[in-house]
Amino acid sequence: MTYLVVCAWCLKIMDEKECPDAQPMDKPISHSICPECLEREIAQINSISINETHIG
């Protein structure tokens, strides 16, 4: 059985994987994060961390 790997942030379909032991499902999907969303989220986390160091 194959299932889709979808970005949980932007819902872009990233990959299709084979899982021979999987149970049949209507719409087999797994979630991850695509490189573009990961980069955006890391930049946001870094900007928050930088802003917090200047507050005190």
C-alpha atoms as a PDB file:
ATOM      1  CA  MET A   1       0.000   0.000   0.000  1.00  0.00           C
ATOM      2  CA  THR A   2       1.226   3.502  -0.756  1.00  0.00           C
ATOM      3  CA  TYR A   3       0.462   6.641   1.215  1.00  0.00           C
ATOM      4  CA  LEU A   4       0.997  10.341   0.612  1.00  0.00           C
ATOM      5  CA  VAL A   5       3.312  12.514   2.671  1.00  0.00           C
ATOM      6  CA  VAL A   6       1.770  15.985   2.971  1.00  0.00           C
ATOM      7  CA  CYS A   7       3.188  19.174   4.497  1.00  0.00           C
ATOM      8  CA  ALA A   8       1.148  19.900   7.630  1.00  0.00           C
ATOM      9  CA  TRP A   9       1.702  23.666   7.162  1.00  0.00           C
ATOM     10  CA  CYS A  10       0.936  24.330   3.471  1.00  0.00           C
ATOM     11  CA  LEU A  11      -0.663  20.957   2.517  1.00  0.00           C
ATOM     12  CA  LYS A  12       1.691  20.462  -0.437  1.00  0.00           C
ATOM     13  CA  ILE A  13       2.067  16.810  -1.425  1.00  0.00           C
ATOM     14  CA  MET A  14       5.728  16.046  -0.837  1.00  0.00           C
ATOM     15  CA  ASP A  15       6.143  12.344  -1.557  1.00  0.00           C
ATOM     16  CA  GLU A  16       4.499   8.973  -1.952  1.00  0.00           C
ATOM     17  CA  LYS A  17       5.821   6.156   0.227  1.00  0.00           C
ATOM     18  CA  GLU A  18       5.383   2.403   0.173  1.00  0.00           C
ATOM     19  CA  CYS A  19       4.394   0.679   3.404  1.00  0.00           C
ATOM     20  CA  PRO A  20       3.794  -3.055   2.878  1.00  0.00           C
ATOM     21  CA  ASP A  21       2.569  -3.649   6.457  1.00  0.00           C
ATOM     22  CA  ALA A  22      -0.008  -0.832   6.488  1.00  0.00           C
ATOM     23  CA  GLN A  23      -3.680  -1.523   7.033  1.00  0.00           C
ATOM     24  CA  PRO A  24      -6.020  -0.499   4.189  1.00  0.00           C
ATOM     25  CA  MET A  25      -7.461   2.996   4.665  1.00  0.00           C
ATOM     26  CA  ASP A  26      -9.688   5.279   2.606  1.00  0.00           C
ATOM     27  CA  LYS A  27      -7.068   8.023   2.225  1.00  0.00           C
ATOM     28  CA  PRO A  28      -3.688   6.978   3.654  1.00  0.00           C
ATOM     29  CA  ILE A  29      -1.811  10.194   4.512  1.00  0.00           C
ATOM     30  CA  SER A  30       1.134  11.040   6.721  1.00  0.00           C
ATOM     31  CA  HIS A  31       2.207  14.573   7.626  1.00  0.00           C
ATOM     32  CA  SER A  32       5.604  16.222   7.697  1.00  0.00           C
ATOM     33  CA  ILE A  33       6.986  19.700   6.912  1.00  0.00           C
ATOM     34  CA  CYS A  34       8.305  20.737   3.501  1.00  0.00           C
ATOM     35  CA  PRO A  35      11.703  22.454   3.173  1.00  0.00           C
ATOM     36  CA  GLU A  36      10.129  25.836   2.382  1.00  0.00           C
ATOM     37  CA  CYS A  37       7.861  25.812   5.445  1.00  0.00           C
ATOM     38  CA  LEU A  38      10.705  24.527   7.625  1.00  0.00           C
ATOM     39  CA  GLU A  39      12.929  27.400   6.513  1.00  0.00           C
ATOM     40  CA  ARG A  40      10.154  29.930   7.187  1.00  0.00           C
ATOM     41  CA  GLU A  41       9.423  28.488  10.642  1.00  0.00           C
ATOM     42  CA  ILE A  42      13.106  28.431  11.625  1.00  0.00           C
ATOM     43  CA  ALA A  43      13.464  32.078  10.544  1.00  0.00           C
ATOM     44  CA  GLN A  44      10.433  32.989  12.643  1.00  0.00           C
ATOM     45  CA  ILE A  45      11.796  31.134  15.683  1.00  0.00           C
ATOM     46  CA  ASN A  46      15.184  32.820  15.246  1.00  0.00           C
ATOM     47  CA  SER A  47      13.581  36.271  15.031  1.00  0.00           C
ATOM     48  CA  ILE A  48      11.611  35.622  18.234  1.00  0.00           C
ATOM     49  CA  SER A  49      14.770  34.461  20.013  1.00  0.00           C
ATOM     50  CA  ILE A  50      16.670  37.574  18.869  1.00  0.00           C
ATOM     51  CA  ASN A  51      13.824  39.881  19.976  1.00  0.00           C
ATOM     52  CA  GLU A  52      13.620  38.245  23.417  1.00  0.00           C
ATOM     53  CA  THR A  53      17.335  38.800  24.067  1.00  0.00           C
ATOM     54  CA  HIS A  54      16.880  42.566  23.520  1.00  0.00           C
ATOM     55  CA  ILE A  55      13.892  42.943  25.886  1.00  0.00           C
ATOM     56  CA  GLY A  56      15.762  42.627  29.217  1.00  0.00           C
END
